[in-house]
Amino acid sequence: MRDWLARCESLSLQPLALTPDVLALPWQPPAWSAVQVDEQWLIRHQPWGGMAAENVWLTELLQSEAEEHVIDSYSPPPAAPGVWREQPAQTLLTLAARHPAAQKLTLLQGEFAVRRRSCAGELASGAVCRAGSGVTGWGKTACWTIAIWRVRPRRRNRPAGPSITAGFRRRKR
């Protein structure tokens, strides 16, 4: 994971998600999904799992299964065990883009989680935060939430007053 992130960083890219390739395939039980990528087949056979096999090993891999499965193939089907249903040919990247659930799956968790930049950490007041939100493309809701998060601990210790709410005043037009 560190190597992939280092490669992205060297290209000045900050990935928002890293998804295992096999999980980019559609999951429509009871059928499996498959696509050929270069000299390898990717097969998704579980909601959170799949397998990859070189072309020369695909037949042996599928013969080792206890039962014959229905496989939706997004590449021209091979002569291999199973009931292969030909689907419109698509690349892995196209499948990932058209498969909304794949966009939500990411390995960037824990220490690798994407750190969102917040205007609360960089700017002093809610008023400045609102002004910055237009520049960064954030909506008012995002800044409001950040500002509330920063202010609430003070409310418990101090009486509500102008110093707490000053950043939330609306401008007169």
N, C-alpha and C. Protein backbone atom coordinates (compact mmCIF):
# COMPACT_ATOMS: atom_id res chain seq x y z
N MET A 1 0.82 -1.18 0.00
CA MET A 1 0.00 0.00 0.00
C MET A 1 0.88 1.25 0.00
N ARG A 2 1.92 1.22 0.81
CA ARG A 2 2.82 2.37 0.88
C ARG A 2 3.47 2.64 -0.49
N ASP A 3 3.82 1.57 -1.20
CA ASP A 3 4.44 1.73 -2.52
C ASP A 3 3.47 2.40 -3.50
N TRP A 4 2.22 1.96 -3.49
CA TRP A 4 1.24 2.55 -4.39
C TRP A 4 1.03 4.03 -4.07
N LEU A 5 0.92 4.34 -2.80
CA LEU A 5 0.73 5.74 -2.41
C LEU A 5 1.95 6.58 -2.73
N ALA A 6 3.15 6.00 -2.58
CA ALA A 6 4.38 6.73 -2.93
C ALA A 6 4.43 6.99 -4.43
N ARG A 7 4.00 6.03 -5.23
CA ARG A 7 3.96 6.24 -6.69
C ARG A 7 3.01 7.37 -7.05
N CYS A 8 1.84 7.35 -6.43
CA CYS A 8 0.87 8.42 -6.68
C CYS A 8 1.45 9.78 -6.28
N GLU A 9 2.08 9.83 -5.12
CA GLU A 9 2.65 11.08 -4.63
C GLU A 9 3.74 11.59 -5.56
N SER A 10 4.55 10.68 -6.11
CA SER A 10 5.62 11.09 -7.03
C SER A 10 5.05 11.70 -8.31
N LEU A 11 3.81 11.39 -8.62
CA LEU A 11 3.14 11.96 -9.79
C LEU A 11 2.24 13.13 -9.41
N SER A 12 2.36 13.57 -8.16
CA SER A 12 1.54 14.66 -7.62
C SER A 12 0.05 14.32 -7.65
N LEU A 13 -0.27 13.05 -7.41
CA LEU A 13 -1.65 12.61 -7.36
C LEU A 13 -1.99 12.21 -5.93
N GLN A 14 -3.18 12.57 -5.49
CA GLN A 14 -3.64 12.13 -4.18
C GLN A 14 -4.90 11.30 -4.39
N PRO A 15 -4.78 9.97 -4.30
CA PRO A 15 -5.96 9.13 -4.54
C PRO A 15 -7.01 9.32 -3.46
N LEU A 16 -8.26 9.34 -3.88
CA LEU A 16 -9.37 9.43 -2.94
C LEU A 16 -9.83 8.04 -2.52
N ALA A 17 -9.48 7.02 -3.33
CA ALA A 17 -9.85 5.64 -3.01
C ALA A 17 -8.89 4.70 -3.70
N LEU A 18 -8.64 3.57 -3.09
CA LEU A 18 -7.90 2.47 -3.71
C LEU A 18 -8.79 1.23 -3.57
N THR A 19 -9.24 0.72 -4.70
CA THR A 19 -10.17 -0.41 -4.72
C THR A 19 -9.49 -1.62 -5.32
N PRO A 20 -9.56 -2.77 -4.67
CA PRO A 20 -9.02 -3.99 -5.29
C PRO A 20 -9.70 -4.22 -6.64
N ASP A 21 -8.92 -4.53 -7.65
CA ASP A 21 -9.47 -4.64 -9.01
C ASP A 21 -10.65 -5.59 -9.12
N VAL A 22 -10.61 -6.71 -8.46
CA VAL A 22 -11.68 -7.69 -8.59
C VAL A 22 -13.00 -7.17 -7.99
N LEU A 23 -12.92 -6.27 -7.02
CA LEU A 23 -14.14 -5.72 -6.43
C LEU A 23 -14.76 -4.61 -7.28
N ALA A 24 -14.10 -4.26 -8.37
CA ALA A 24 -14.68 -3.30 -9.31
C ALA A 24 -15.67 -3.98 -10.25
N LEU A 25 -15.66 -5.30 -10.26
CA LEU A 25 -16.61 -6.05 -11.09
C LEU A 25 -17.99 -6.03 -10.43
N PRO A 26 -19.06 -6.08 -11.23
CA PRO A 26 -20.40 -6.11 -10.64
C PRO A 26 -20.61 -7.37 -9.81
N TRP A 27 -21.40 -7.26 -8.76
CA TRP A 27 -21.77 -8.41 -7.93
C TRP A 27 -23.28 -8.59 -8.06
N GLN A 28 -23.69 -9.63 -8.81
CA GLN A 28 -25.10 -9.91 -9.04
C GLN A 28 -25.34 -11.39 -8.80
N PRO A 29 -25.49 -11.79 -7.53
CA PRO A 29 -25.66 -13.21 -7.21
C PRO A 29 -26.92 -13.77 -7.86
N PRO A 30 -26.94 -15.03 -8.20
CA PRO A 30 -25.93 -16.04 -7.89
C PRO A 30 -24.80 -16.11 -8.91
N ALA A 31 -24.86 -15.29 -9.97
CA ALA A 31 -23.83 -15.35 -11.00
C ALA A 31 -22.53 -14.71 -10.52
N TRP A 32 -21.43 -15.21 -11.04
CA TRP A 32 -20.13 -14.60 -10.83
C TRP A 32 -19.92 -13.59 -11.95
N SER A 33 -18.96 -12.70 -11.80
CA SER A 33 -18.59 -11.74 -12.85
C SER A 33 -17.14 -11.97 -13.21
N ALA A 34 -16.83 -11.81 -14.50
CA ALA A 34 -15.45 -12.02 -14.95
C ALA A 34 -15.09 -11.05 -16.06
N VAL A 35 -13.82 -10.69 -16.10
CA VAL A 35 -13.28 -9.88 -17.18
C VAL A 35 -11.82 -10.28 -17.38
N GLN A 36 -11.39 -10.24 -18.63
CA GLN A 36 -10.00 -10.55 -18.93
C GLN A 36 -9.21 -9.25 -18.99
N VAL A 37 -8.10 -9.22 -18.26
CA VAL A 37 -7.19 -8.08 -18.27
C VAL A 37 -5.83 -8.61 -18.68
N ASP A 38 -5.42 -8.27 -19.88
CA ASP A 38 -4.18 -8.78 -20.46
C ASP A 38 -4.22 -10.32 -20.47
N GLU A 39 -3.28 -10.96 -19.83
CA GLU A 39 -3.21 -12.44 -19.83
C GLU A 39 -3.79 -13.04 -18.55
N GLN A 40 -4.72 -12.33 -17.94
CA GLN A 40 -5.26 -12.77 -16.66
C GLN A 40 -6.77 -12.57 -16.62
N TRP A 41 -7.46 -13.49 -15.97
CA TRP A 41 -8.90 -13.36 -15.73
C TRP A 41 -9.14 -12.94 -14.29
N LEU A 42 -9.98 -11.93 -14.11
CA LEU A 42 -10.43 -11.52 -12.78
C LEU A 42 -11.86 -12.03 -12.62
N ILE A 43 -12.13 -12.70 -11.50
CA ILE A 43 -13.45 -13.27 -11.26
C ILE A 43 -13.92 -12.85 -9.87
N ARG A 44 -15.08 -12.22 -9.83
CA ARG A 44 -15.68 -11.87 -8.54
C ARG A 44 -16.74 -12.92 -8.23
N HIS A 45 -16.55 -13.63 -7.11
CA HIS A 45 -17.47 -14.71 -6.77
C HIS A 45 -18.12 -14.53 -5.41
N GLN A 46 -17.78 -13.46 -4.70
CA GLN A 46 -18.37 -13.17 -3.39
C GLN A 46 -18.54 -11.66 -3.27
N PRO A 47 -19.38 -11.22 -2.34
CA PRO A 47 -19.54 -9.77 -2.19
C PRO A 47 -18.23 -9.06 -1.89
N TRP A 48 -17.35 -9.69 -1.11
CA TRP A 48 -16.09 -9.06 -0.72
C TRP A 48 -14.89 -9.85 -1.17
N GLY A 49 -15.05 -10.69 -2.19
CA GLY A 49 -13.92 -11.50 -2.60
C GLY A 49 -13.97 -11.89 -4.06
N GLY A 50 -12.83 -12.30 -4.54
CA GLY A 50 -12.71 -12.75 -5.91
C GLY A 50 -11.39 -13.45 -6.09
N MET A 51 -11.06 -13.72 -7.33
CA MET A 51 -9.80 -14.41 -7.61
C MET A 51 -9.27 -13.95 -8.96
N ALA A 52 -8.01 -14.17 -9.16
CA ALA A 52 -7.35 -13.87 -10.43
C ALA A 52 -6.62 -15.11 -10.88
N ALA A 53 -6.66 -15.36 -12.17
CA ALA A 53 -5.99 -16.55 -12.71
C ALA A 53 -5.39 -16.23 -14.07
N GLU A 54 -4.17 -16.71 -14.28
CA GLU A 54 -3.56 -16.59 -15.60
C GLU A 54 -4.40 -17.41 -16.58
N ASN A 55 -4.41 -17.01 -17.83
CA ASN A 55 -5.19 -17.72 -18.84
C ASN A 55 -4.95 -19.22 -18.81
N VAL A 56 -3.68 -19.62 -18.69
CA VAL A 56 -3.34 -21.05 -18.76
C VAL A 56 -3.84 -21.83 -17.54
N TRP A 57 -4.13 -21.16 -16.44
CA TRP A 57 -4.59 -21.83 -15.22
C TRP A 57 -6.09 -21.71 -14.98
N LEU A 58 -6.78 -20.97 -15.80
CA LEU A 58 -8.20 -20.72 -15.57
C LEU A 58 -9.02 -22.01 -15.57
N THR A 59 -8.79 -22.88 -16.53
CA THR A 59 -9.54 -24.14 -16.60
C THR A 59 -9.34 -24.97 -15.35
N GLU A 60 -8.10 -25.12 -14.91
CA GLU A 60 -7.84 -25.91 -13.71
C GLU A 60 -8.47 -25.28 -12.47
N LEU A 61 -8.43 -23.98 -12.39
CA LEU A 61 -9.03 -23.29 -11.25
C LEU A 61 -10.53 -23.56 -11.19
N LEU A 62 -11.21 -23.42 -12.32
CA LEU A 62 -12.66 -23.61 -12.33
C LEU A 62 -13.06 -25.07 -12.18
N GLN A 63 -12.21 -26.01 -12.64
CA GLN A 63 -12.50 -27.43 -12.45
C GLN A 63 -12.41 -27.82 -10.98
N SER A 64 -11.66 -27.09 -10.20
CA SER A 64 -11.51 -27.41 -8.78
C SER A 64 -12.75 -27.04 -7.97
N GLU A 65 -13.66 -26.27 -8.55
CA GLU A 65 -14.90 -25.90 -7.86
C GLU A 65 -15.83 -27.10 -7.79
N ALA A 66 -16.55 -27.24 -6.69
CA ALA A 66 -17.45 -28.38 -6.48
C ALA A 66 -18.62 -28.37 -7.45
N GLU A 67 -19.08 -27.20 -7.83
CA GLU A 67 -20.20 -27.12 -8.76
C GLU A 67 -19.87 -26.17 -9.90
N GLU A 68 -20.60 -26.31 -10.99
CA GLU A 68 -20.41 -25.44 -12.14
C GLU A 68 -21.20 -24.15 -11.91
N HIS A 69 -20.56 -23.02 -12.09
CA HIS A 69 -21.19 -21.72 -11.80
C HIS A 69 -21.56 -20.99 -13.08
N VAL A 70 -22.55 -20.11 -12.94
CA VAL A 70 -22.90 -19.18 -14.02
C VAL A 70 -21.96 -17.99 -13.89
N ILE A 71 -21.33 -17.63 -15.00
CA ILE A 71 -20.34 -16.55 -14.98
C ILE A 71 -20.69 -15.53 -16.05
N ASP A 72 -20.98 -14.30 -15.62
CA ASP A 72 -21.22 -13.21 -16.57
C ASP A 72 -19.86 -12.69 -17.01
N SER A 73 -19.58 -12.84 -18.30
CA SER A 73 -18.27 -12.46 -18.83
C SER A 73 -18.34 -11.15 -19.58
N TYR A 74 -17.51 -10.19 -19.17
CA TYR A 74 -17.45 -8.89 -19.83
C TYR A 74 -16.30 -8.82 -20.83
N SER A 75 -15.77 -9.99 -21.15
CA SER A 75 -14.77 -10.18 -22.21
C SER A 75 -15.26 -11.39 -23.01
N PRO A 76 -14.74 -11.61 -24.21
CA PRO A 76 -15.15 -12.82 -24.93
C PRO A 76 -14.90 -14.06 -24.06
N PRO A 77 -15.94 -14.89 -23.84
CA PRO A 77 -15.80 -16.04 -22.94
C PRO A 77 -14.75 -17.04 -23.42
N PRO A 78 -14.01 -17.61 -22.48
CA PRO A 78 -13.01 -18.62 -22.84
C PRO A 78 -13.66 -20.01 -22.91
N ALA A 79 -12.91 -20.97 -23.40
CA ALA A 79 -13.36 -22.37 -23.38
C ALA A 79 -12.93 -22.93 -22.03
N ALA A 80 -13.74 -22.69 -21.01
CA ALA A 80 -13.41 -23.11 -19.65
C ALA A 80 -14.69 -23.60 -18.98
N PRO A 81 -14.57 -24.39 -17.92
CA PRO A 81 -15.76 -24.89 -17.22
C PRO A 81 -16.64 -23.76 -16.71
N GLY A 82 -17.91 -24.05 -16.58
CA GLY A 82 -18.88 -23.07 -16.11
C GLY A 82 -19.84 -22.70 -17.22
N VAL A 83 -20.92 -22.06 -16.84
CA VAL A 83 -21.90 -21.56 -17.81
C VAL A 83 -21.58 -20.09 -18.02
N TRP A 84 -20.91 -19.80 -19.12
CA TRP A 84 -20.45 -18.44 -19.41
C TRP A 84 -21.54 -17.69 -20.18
N ARG A 85 -21.99 -16.57 -19.61
CA ARG A 85 -22.97 -15.73 -20.29
C ARG A 85 -22.24 -14.49 -20.79
N GLU A 86 -22.25 -14.34 -22.10
CA GLU A 86 -21.53 -13.20 -22.69
C GLU A 86 -22.31 -11.91 -22.44
N GLN A 87 -21.63 -10.95 -21.86
CA GLN A 87 -22.18 -9.62 -21.61
C GLN A 87 -21.50 -8.65 -22.58
N PRO A 88 -22.03 -7.44 -22.74
CA PRO A 88 -21.34 -6.47 -23.59
C PRO A 88 -19.90 -6.28 -23.11
N ALA A 89 -18.96 -6.37 -24.05
CA ALA A 89 -17.54 -6.27 -23.70
C ALA A 89 -17.24 -4.90 -23.10
N GLN A 90 -16.53 -4.91 -21.96
CA GLN A 90 -16.14 -3.68 -21.28
C GLN A 90 -14.79 -3.89 -20.63
N THR A 91 -14.04 -2.82 -20.52
CA THR A 91 -12.76 -2.89 -19.82
C THR A 91 -13.01 -2.85 -18.32
N LEU A 92 -12.00 -3.20 -17.55
CA LEU A 92 -12.11 -3.15 -16.10
C LEU A 92 -12.41 -1.73 -15.62
N LEU A 93 -11.75 -0.74 -16.21
CA LEU A 93 -11.98 0.64 -15.80
C LEU A 93 -13.41 1.10 -16.10
N THR A 94 -13.95 0.66 -17.24
CA THR A 94 -15.33 1.00 -17.57
C THR A 94 -16.28 0.36 -16.59
N LEU A 95 -16.03 -0.90 -16.25
CA LEU A 95 -16.88 -1.58 -15.26
C LEU A 95 -16.83 -0.86 -13.92
N ALA A 96 -15.65 -0.45 -13.50
CA ALA A 96 -15.51 0.25 -12.22
C ALA A 96 -16.27 1.58 -12.24
N ALA A 97 -16.19 2.29 -13.36
CA ALA A 97 -16.87 3.58 -13.46
C ALA A 97 -18.39 3.42 -13.47
N ARG A 98 -18.87 2.32 -14.04
CA ARG A 98 -20.32 2.10 -14.13
C ARG A 98 -20.89 1.33 -12.94
N HIS A 99 -20.05 0.91 -12.06
CA HIS A 99 -20.47 0.11 -10.91
C HIS A 99 -20.38 0.99 -9.67
N PRO A 100 -21.48 1.63 -9.27
CA PRO A 100 -21.43 2.61 -8.18
C PRO A 100 -20.92 2.06 -6.85
N ALA A 101 -21.19 0.81 -6.56
CA ALA A 101 -20.73 0.25 -5.28
C ALA A 101 -19.20 0.19 -5.24
N ALA A 102 -18.56 -0.01 -6.38
CA ALA A 102 -17.09 -0.08 -6.42
C ALA A 102 -16.46 1.24 -6.02
N GLN A 103 -17.16 2.32 -6.28
CA GLN A 103 -16.62 3.63 -5.95
C GLN A 103 -16.61 3.88 -4.44
N LYS A 104 -17.38 3.09 -3.69
CA LYS A 104 -17.45 3.26 -2.24
C LYS A 104 -16.46 2.36 -1.51
N LEU A 105 -15.90 1.39 -2.20
CA LEU A 105 -14.96 0.46 -1.59
C LEU A 105 -13.55 1.04 -1.67
N THR A 106 -12.86 1.08 -0.56
CA THR A 106 -11.50 1.60 -0.59
C THR A 106 -10.64 0.94 0.48
N LEU A 107 -9.39 0.78 0.17
CA LEU A 107 -8.42 0.27 1.13
C LEU A 107 -7.80 1.40 1.95
N LEU A 108 -8.12 2.63 1.60
CA LEU A 108 -7.56 3.78 2.31
C LEU A 108 -8.31 3.98 3.63
N GLN A 109 -7.93 3.18 4.61
CA GLN A 109 -8.55 3.23 5.93
C GLN A 109 -7.46 3.23 6.98
N GLY A 110 -7.84 3.53 8.21
CA GLY A 110 -6.86 3.55 9.30
C GLY A 110 -5.76 4.56 9.02
N GLU A 111 -4.52 4.11 9.10
CA GLU A 111 -3.40 5.03 8.89
C GLU A 111 -3.32 5.53 7.45
N PHE A 112 -4.00 4.86 6.52
CA PHE A 112 -3.96 5.26 5.11
C PHE A 112 -5.18 6.10 4.72
N ALA A 113 -6.06 6.37 5.64
CA ALA A 113 -7.29 7.11 5.33
C ALA A 113 -6.96 8.47 4.75
N VAL A 114 -7.81 8.89 3.82
CA VAL A 114 -7.65 10.20 3.20
C VAL A 114 -7.93 11.25 4.25
N ARG A 115 -7.02 12.17 4.41
CA ARG A 115 -7.20 13.27 5.36
C ARG A 115 -7.78 14.44 4.59
N ARG A 116 -9.01 14.75 4.89
CA ARG A 116 -9.67 15.88 4.23
C ARG A 116 -9.16 17.18 4.85
N ARG A 117 -8.85 18.12 3.99
CA ARG A 117 -8.44 19.43 4.49
C ARG A 117 -9.68 20.19 4.90
N SER A 118 -9.65 20.78 6.06
CA SER A 118 -10.80 21.54 6.53
C SER A 118 -10.41 23.00 6.71
N CYS A 119 -11.34 23.87 6.42
CA CYS A 119 -11.04 25.28 6.61
C CYS A 119 -10.96 25.60 8.10
N ALA A 120 -11.53 24.77 8.96
CA ALA A 120 -11.47 25.03 10.41
C ALA A 120 -10.03 24.92 10.91
N GLY A 121 -9.26 24.02 10.36
CA GLY A 121 -7.90 23.85 10.81
C GLY A 121 -6.96 24.92 10.30
N GLU A 122 -7.33 25.60 9.24
CA GLU A 122 -6.44 26.57 8.62
C GLU A 122 -6.85 28.01 8.85
N LEU A 123 -8.12 28.24 9.15
CA LEU A 123 -8.62 29.60 9.26
C LEU A 123 -9.14 29.86 10.67
N ALA A 124 -9.08 31.10 11.10
CA ALA A 124 -9.35 31.42 12.49
C ALA A 124 -10.83 31.48 12.87
N SER A 125 -11.67 32.06 12.05
CA SER A 125 -13.06 32.26 12.49
C SER A 125 -14.05 31.68 11.50
N GLY A 126 -15.29 31.57 11.96
CA GLY A 126 -16.37 31.08 11.10
C GLY A 126 -16.59 32.00 9.91
N ALA A 127 -16.44 33.32 10.12
CA ALA A 127 -16.64 34.26 9.03
C ALA A 127 -15.60 34.04 7.94
N VAL A 128 -14.35 33.86 8.36
CA VAL A 128 -13.29 33.59 7.39
C VAL A 128 -13.54 32.24 6.74
N CYS A 129 -14.04 31.29 7.52
CA CYS A 129 -14.34 29.96 6.99
C CYS A 129 -15.39 30.07 5.89
N ARG A 130 -16.43 30.86 6.12
CA ARG A 130 -17.47 31.02 5.10
C ARG A 130 -16.89 31.65 3.85
N ALA A 131 -16.02 32.62 4.01
CA ALA A 131 -15.41 33.27 2.86
C ALA A 131 -14.54 32.28 2.09
N GLY A 132 -13.80 31.46 2.81
CA GLY A 132 -12.94 30.47 2.17
C GLY A 132 -13.72 29.37 1.49
N SER A 133 -14.94 29.13 1.96
CA SER A 133 -15.71 28.03 1.39
C SER A 133 -16.05 28.29 -0.07
N GLY A 134 -16.27 29.53 -0.44
CA GLY A 134 -16.57 29.83 -1.83
C GLY A 134 -15.38 29.56 -2.72
N VAL A 135 -14.19 29.79 -2.21
CA VAL A 135 -12.97 29.59 -2.98
C VAL A 135 -12.69 28.11 -3.19
N THR A 136 -12.88 27.31 -2.15
CA THR A 136 -12.55 25.89 -2.26
C THR A 136 -13.66 25.08 -2.90
N GLY A 137 -14.83 25.67 -3.09
CA GLY A 137 -15.92 24.93 -3.71
C GLY A 137 -16.78 24.19 -2.70
N TRP A 138 -16.53 24.36 -1.42
CA TRP A 138 -17.35 23.69 -0.40
C TRP A 138 -18.65 24.45 -0.25
N GLY A 139 -19.69 23.76 0.13
CA GLY A 139 -20.96 24.40 0.41
C GLY A 139 -20.98 24.99 1.80
N LYS A 140 -21.97 25.80 2.08
CA LYS A 140 -22.08 26.42 3.40
C LYS A 140 -22.25 25.38 4.49
N THR A 141 -22.91 24.29 4.18
CA THR A 141 -23.15 23.25 5.18
C THR A 141 -21.85 22.70 5.73
N ALA A 142 -20.86 22.47 4.87
CA ALA A 142 -19.58 21.92 5.32
C ALA A 142 -18.92 22.87 6.31
N CYS A 143 -18.87 24.14 5.99
CA CYS A 143 -18.24 25.10 6.90
C CYS A 143 -19.06 25.27 8.16
N TRP A 144 -20.35 25.25 8.05
CA TRP A 144 -21.20 25.37 9.24
C TRP A 144 -20.90 24.22 10.19
N THR A 145 -20.83 23.02 9.67
CA THR A 145 -20.54 21.86 10.50
C THR A 145 -19.18 21.99 11.17
N ILE A 146 -18.19 22.40 10.42
CA ILE A 146 -16.85 22.55 10.98
C ILE A 146 -16.85 23.62 12.06
N ALA A 147 -17.49 24.74 11.78
CA ALA A 147 -17.51 25.83 12.76
C ALA A 147 -18.26 25.40 14.03
N ILE A 148 -19.36 24.70 13.88
CA ILE A 148 -20.11 24.22 15.05
C ILE A 148 -19.23 23.28 15.85
N TRP A 149 -18.54 22.42 15.19
CA TRP A 149 -17.67 21.47 15.87
C TRP A 149 -16.61 22.19 16.70
N ARG A 150 -16.08 23.27 16.18
CA ARG A 150 -15.05 24.01 16.90
C ARG A 150 -15.64 24.81 18.05
N VAL A 151 -16.88 25.24 17.95
CA VAL A 151 -17.47 26.13 18.93
C VAL A 151 -18.10 25.39 20.10
N ARG A 152 -18.72 24.27 19.88
CA ARG A 152 -19.50 23.59 20.92
C ARG A 152 -18.75 23.33 22.21
N PRO A 153 -17.51 22.91 22.22
CA PRO A 153 -16.85 22.69 23.50
C PRO A 153 -16.82 23.96 24.36
N ARG A 154 -16.71 25.12 23.76
CA ARG A 154 -16.71 26.37 24.51
C ARG A 154 -18.06 26.62 25.16
N ARG A 155 -19.14 26.27 24.48
CA ARG A 155 -20.47 26.52 25.00
C ARG A 155 -20.69 25.83 26.34
N ARG A 156 -20.13 24.69 26.50
CA ARG A 156 -20.32 23.95 27.75
C ARG A 156 -19.63 24.66 28.92
N ASN A 157 -18.53 25.33 28.66
CA ASN A 157 -17.74 25.94 29.72
C ASN A 157 -18.05 27.42 29.93
N ARG A 158 -18.62 28.07 28.91
CA ARG A 158 -18.90 29.50 29.01
C ARG A 158 -20.35 29.76 28.65
N PRO A 159 -20.88 30.84 29.15
CA PRO A 159 -22.24 31.20 28.72
C PRO A 159 -22.20 31.64 27.26
N ALA A 160 -23.30 31.37 26.55
CA ALA A 160 -23.37 31.77 25.14
C ALA A 160 -23.29 33.28 25.05
N GLY A 161 -22.55 33.77 24.10
CA GLY A 161 -22.40 35.21 23.96
C GLY A 161 -21.89 35.57 22.60
N PRO A 162 -21.67 36.86 22.37
CA PRO A 162 -21.23 37.33 21.06
C PRO A 162 -19.93 36.70 20.59
N SER A 163 -19.01 36.40 21.50
CA SER A 163 -17.73 35.84 21.06
C SER A 163 -17.90 34.46 20.44
N ILE A 164 -18.93 33.76 20.84
CA ILE A 164 -19.16 32.41 20.30
C ILE A 164 -19.90 32.49 18.97
N THR A 165 -20.85 33.39 18.85
CA THR A 165 -21.69 33.42 17.66
C THR A 165 -21.24 34.43 16.62
N ALA A 166 -20.20 35.21 16.89
CA ALA A 166 -19.79 36.27 15.97
C ALA A 166 -19.51 35.75 14.57
N GLY A 167 -18.95 34.58 14.45
CA GLY A 167 -18.61 34.06 13.13
C GLY A 167 -19.80 33.62 12.31
N PHE A 168 -21.00 33.60 12.92
CA PHE A 168 -22.17 33.10 12.21
C PHE A 168 -23.15 34.19 11.80
N ARG A 169 -22.80 35.44 12.03
CA ARG A 169 -23.71 36.52 11.66
C ARG A 169 -23.80 36.64 10.15
N ARG A 170 -24.99 36.97 9.71
CA ARG A 170 -25.20 37.17 8.27
C ARG A 170 -24.89 38.62 7.93
N ARG A 171 -24.38 38.80 6.74
CA ARG A 171 -24.12 40.15 6.27
C ARG A 171 -25.43 40.81 5.87
N LYS A 172 -25.53 42.11 6.12
CA LYS A 172 -26.71 42.85 5.68
C LYS A 172 -26.50 43.22 4.23
N ARG A 173 -27.57 43.10 3.47
CA ARG A 173 -27.46 43.41 2.03
C ARG A 173 -27.98 44.76 1.70
